[in-house]
C-alpha atoms as a PDB file:
ATOM      1  CA  MET A   1      -1.331  -1.863  15.478  1.00  0.00           C
ATOM      2  CA  ASN A   2       0.897  -4.856  16.219  1.00  0.00           C
ATOM      3  CA  GLY A   3       0.103  -8.410  15.307  1.00  0.00           C
ATOM      4  CA  ARG A   4       1.589 -11.612  13.996  1.00  0.00           C
ATOM      5  CA  ASP A   5       5.311 -11.642  13.164  1.00  0.00           C
ATOM      6  CA  GLY A   6       5.824  -7.921  13.654  1.00  0.00           C
ATOM      7  CA  PHE A   7       2.948  -6.929  11.401  1.00  0.00           C
ATOM      8  CA  ALA A   8       1.914  -3.337  12.044  1.00  0.00           C
ATOM      9  CA  VAL A   9       0.145  -0.510  10.256  1.00  0.00           C
ATOM     10  CA  VAL A  10       0.807   3.099  11.224  1.00  0.00           C
ATOM     11  CA  ARG A  11      -1.254   5.945   9.792  1.00  0.00           C
ATOM     12  CA  ARG A  12       0.041   9.474   9.372  1.00  0.00           C
ATOM     13  CA  SER A  13      -0.909  12.563   7.420  1.00  0.00           C
ATOM     14  CA  GLU A  14       1.447  14.336   5.025  1.00  0.00           C
ATOM     15  CA  GLY A  15      -0.356  17.479   3.889  1.00  0.00           C
ATOM     16  CA  ASP A  16      -3.482  16.316   2.053  1.00  0.00           C
ATOM     17  CA  ALA A  17      -2.149  12.779   1.745  1.00  0.00           C
ATOM     18  CA  VAL A  18      -2.598   9.860   4.118  1.00  0.00           C
ATOM     19  CA  VAL A  19       0.285   7.411   4.455  1.00  0.00           C
ATOM     20  CA  LEU A  20      -0.255   3.896   5.771  1.00  0.00           C
ATOM     21  CA  SER A  21       3.152   2.456   6.702  1.00  0.00           C
ATOM     22  CA  VAL A  22       3.102  -1.325   6.867  1.00  0.00           C
ATOM     23  CA  THR A  23       5.749  -3.525   8.490  1.00  0.00           C
ATOM     24  CA  GLY A  24       6.194  -7.274   8.791  1.00  0.00           C
ATOM     25  CA  ALA A  25       4.470  -9.801   6.562  1.00  0.00           C
ATOM     26  CA  VAL A  26       1.331  -9.184   4.513  1.00  0.00           C
ATOM     27  CA  ASP A  27      -0.279 -12.579   4.015  1.00  0.00           C
ATOM     28  CA  GLU A  28      -3.613 -14.356   4.341  1.00  0.00           C
ATOM     29  CA  VAL A  29      -3.571 -13.800   8.114  1.00  0.00           C
ATOM     30  CA  THR A  30      -2.609 -10.111   8.173  1.00  0.00           C
ATOM     31  CA  ALA A  31      -4.201  -8.851   4.926  1.00  0.00           C
ATOM     32  CA  PRO A  32      -7.670  -8.532   6.539  1.00  0.00           C
ATOM     33  CA  SER A  33      -6.223  -6.162   9.148  1.00  0.00           C
ATOM     34  CA  LEU A  34      -4.615  -4.064   6.424  1.00  0.00           C
ATOM     35  CA  ALA A  35      -7.931  -4.094   4.554  1.00  0.00           C
ATOM     36  CA  THR A  36      -9.641  -2.621   7.609  1.00  0.00           C
ATOM     37  CA  HIS A  37      -7.058   0.184   7.787  1.00  0.00           C
ATOM     38  CA  LEU A  38      -7.542   0.888   4.083  1.00  0.00           C
ATOM     39  CA  ASP A  39     -11.332   0.960   4.450  1.00  0.00           C
ATOM     40  CA  VAL A  40     -11.127   3.456   7.313  1.00  0.00           C
ATOM     41  CA  VAL A  41      -8.855   5.780   5.317  1.00  0.00           C
ATOM     42  CA  LEU A  42     -10.935   5.521   2.151  1.00  0.00           C
ATOM     43  CA  THR A  43     -14.145   6.556   3.902  1.00  0.00           C
ATOM     44  CA  ALA A  44     -12.627  10.056   4.232  1.00  0.00           C
ATOM     45  CA  GLN A  45     -11.629  10.092   0.525  1.00  0.00           C
ATOM     46  CA  PRO A  46      -8.239  11.804   0.896  1.00  0.00           C
ATOM     47  CA  PRO A  47      -6.807  13.158  -2.373  1.00  0.00           C
ATOM     48  CA  VAL A  48      -3.826  10.778  -2.075  1.00  0.00           C
ATOM     49  CA  LEU A  49      -3.382   7.502  -0.215  1.00  0.00           C
ATOM     50  CA  VAL A  50       0.157   6.148  -0.041  1.00  0.00           C
ATOM     51  CA  VAL A  51       0.531   2.521   1.003  1.00  0.00           C
ATOM     52  CA  ASP A  52       4.100   2.303   2.276  1.00  0.00           C
ATOM     53  CA  LEU A  53       5.399  -1.250   1.888  1.00  0.00           C
ATOM     54  CA  THR A  54       9.100  -0.364   2.116  1.00  0.00           C
ATOM     55  CA  ALA A  55       9.410  -2.176   5.485  1.00  0.00           C
ATOM     56  CA  VAL A  56       7.388  -5.247   4.481  1.00  0.00           C
ATOM     57  CA  GLU A  57       9.473  -8.415   4.671  1.00  0.00           C
ATOM     58  CA  PHE A  58       7.057 -10.730   2.862  1.00  0.00           C
ATOM     59  CA  MET A  59       3.951 -10.228   0.748  1.00  0.00           C
ATOM     60  CA  SER A  60       1.802 -13.103  -0.428  1.00  0.00           C
ATOM     61  CA  SER A  61      -0.786 -13.113  -3.174  1.00  0.00           C
ATOM     62  CA  ALA A  62      -3.349 -12.102  -0.514  1.00  0.00           C
ATOM     63  CA  GLY A  63      -1.523  -8.798  -0.081  1.00  0.00           C
ATOM     64  CA  MET A  64      -1.206  -8.241  -3.809  1.00  0.00           C
ATOM     65  CA  ASN A  65      -4.890  -9.030  -4.350  1.00  0.00           C
ATOM     66  CA  LEU A  66      -5.781  -6.552  -1.614  1.00  0.00           C
ATOM     67  CA  LEU A  67      -3.821  -3.818  -3.396  1.00  0.00           C
ATOM     68  CA  LEU A  68      -5.579  -4.624  -6.676  1.00  0.00           C
ATOM     69  CA  GLU A  69      -8.988  -4.539  -5.002  1.00  0.00           C
ATOM     70  CA  THR A  70      -8.158  -1.232  -3.317  1.00  0.00           C
ATOM     71  CA  GLN A  71      -7.079   0.204  -6.667  1.00  0.00           C
ATOM     72  CA  ARG A  72     -10.369  -0.946  -8.188  1.00  0.00           C
ATOM     73  CA  LEU A  73     -12.317   0.699  -5.370  1.00  0.00           C
ATOM     74  CA  THR A  74     -10.426   4.002  -5.567  1.00  0.00           C
ATOM     75  CA  ALA A  75     -10.565   4.321  -9.368  1.00  0.00           C
ATOM     76  CA  PRO A  76     -14.016   5.971  -9.486  1.00  0.00           C
ATOM     77  CA  THR A  77     -13.336   8.180  -6.425  1.00  0.00           C
ATOM     78  CA  PRO A  78     -11.338  11.384  -5.868  1.00  0.00           C
ATOM     79  CA  THR A  79      -8.613   9.343  -4.112  1.00  0.00           C
ATOM     80  CA  THR A  80      -5.424   8.372  -5.917  1.00  0.00           C
ATOM     81  CA  MET A  81      -3.713   5.328  -4.422  1.00  0.00           C
ATOM     82  CA  ARG A  82       0.063   5.102  -4.693  1.00  0.00           C
ATOM     83  CA  VAL A  83       2.249   2.256  -3.460  1.00  0.00           C
ATOM     84  CA  ALA A  84       5.789   2.739  -2.147  1.00  0.00           C
ATOM     85  CA  ALA A  85       7.690  -0.523  -2.421  1.00  0.00           C
ATOM     86  CA  ALA A  86      11.342  -1.385  -2.759  1.00  0.00           C
ATOM     87  CA  GLY A  87      13.230  -4.627  -2.714  1.00  0.00           C
ATOM     88  CA  THR A  88      12.806  -8.312  -3.261  1.00  0.00           C
ATOM     89  CA  ALA A  89       9.839  -8.813  -0.929  1.00  0.00           C
ATOM     90  CA  THR A  90       7.514  -6.278  -2.523  1.00  0.00           C
ATOM     91  CA  SER A  91       8.570  -4.331  -5.591  1.00  0.00           C
ATOM     92  CA  ARG A  92      10.243  -7.198  -7.428  1.00  0.00           C
ATOM     93  CA  PRO A  93       7.323  -9.660  -7.301  1.00  0.00           C
ATOM     94  CA  MET A  94       4.835  -6.910  -8.146  1.00  0.00           C
ATOM     95  CA  ARG A  95       6.874  -5.924 -11.192  1.00  0.00           C
ATOM     96  CA  ILE A  96       7.382  -9.549 -12.280  1.00  0.00           C
ATOM     97  CA  ILE A  97       3.645 -10.219 -12.404  1.00  0.00           C
ATOM     98  CA  GLY A  98       2.857  -6.840 -13.979  1.00  0.00           C
ATOM     99  CA  LEU A  99       1.198  -5.014 -11.098  1.00  0.00           C
ATOM    100  CA  ASP A 100       3.335  -1.981 -11.892  1.00  0.00           C
ATOM    101  CA  ARG A 101       1.183  -1.581 -15.021  1.00  0.00           C
ATOM    102  CA  ILE A 102      -1.963  -1.384 -12.874  1.00  0.00           C
ATOM    103  CA  LEU A 103      -0.789   0.244  -9.651  1.00  0.00           C
ATOM    104  CA  GLU A 104       1.120   3.496  -9.254  1.00  0.00           C
ATOM    105  CA  LEU A 105       4.349   1.983  -7.905  1.00  0.00           C
ATOM    106  CA  TYR A 106       7.128   4.143  -6.418  1.00  0.00           C
ATOM    107  CA  SER A 107      10.509   3.376  -4.858  1.00  0.00           C
ATOM    108  CA  THR A 108      10.078   5.666  -1.838  1.00  0.00           C
ATOM    109  CA  VAL A 109       7.306   7.320   0.137  1.00  0.00           C
ATOM    110  CA  GLY A 110       8.725  10.707  -0.838  1.00  0.00           C
ATOM    111  CA  ASP A 111       8.465   9.850  -4.535  1.00  0.00           C
ATOM    112  CA  ALA A 112       4.921   8.566  -3.990  1.00  0.00           C
ATOM    113  CA  LEU A 113       3.906  11.769  -2.208  1.00  0.00           C
ATOM    114  CA  ARG A 114       5.323  13.833  -5.083  1.00  0.00           C
ATOM    115  CA  GLY A 115       3.915  11.469  -7.702  1.00  0.00           C
ATOM    116  CA  GLN A 116       7.351  11.005  -9.305  1.00  0.00           C
ATOM    117  CA  GLN A 117       8.022   7.513 -10.659  1.00  0.00           C
ATOM    118  CA  ASP A 118      11.453   6.231 -11.666  1.00  0.00           C
END
């Protein structure tokens, strides 16, 4: 799904896991679209949901809040949410504010699928 400034979300299955690959900017304009994609995936309660942010160029507090809310919603369910993020636009700010202590944060989608953190 394409939108503002190259924002897109592509869904794919990897075994029992669902991967949502996000590109572009995740901000107050695009976060609601990502939220819709997350809601659709979570209704099926896959064992693992990987949110791939490795191609995200900018993430505002709206995107980070969405990840926190999604983590809160998945906690009591059979779904484990993992976030793949690398670089200054995603991983660095999330680590600076301590989201890596709340979210399962991985450097690559492959690591997230295997559940292997650095």
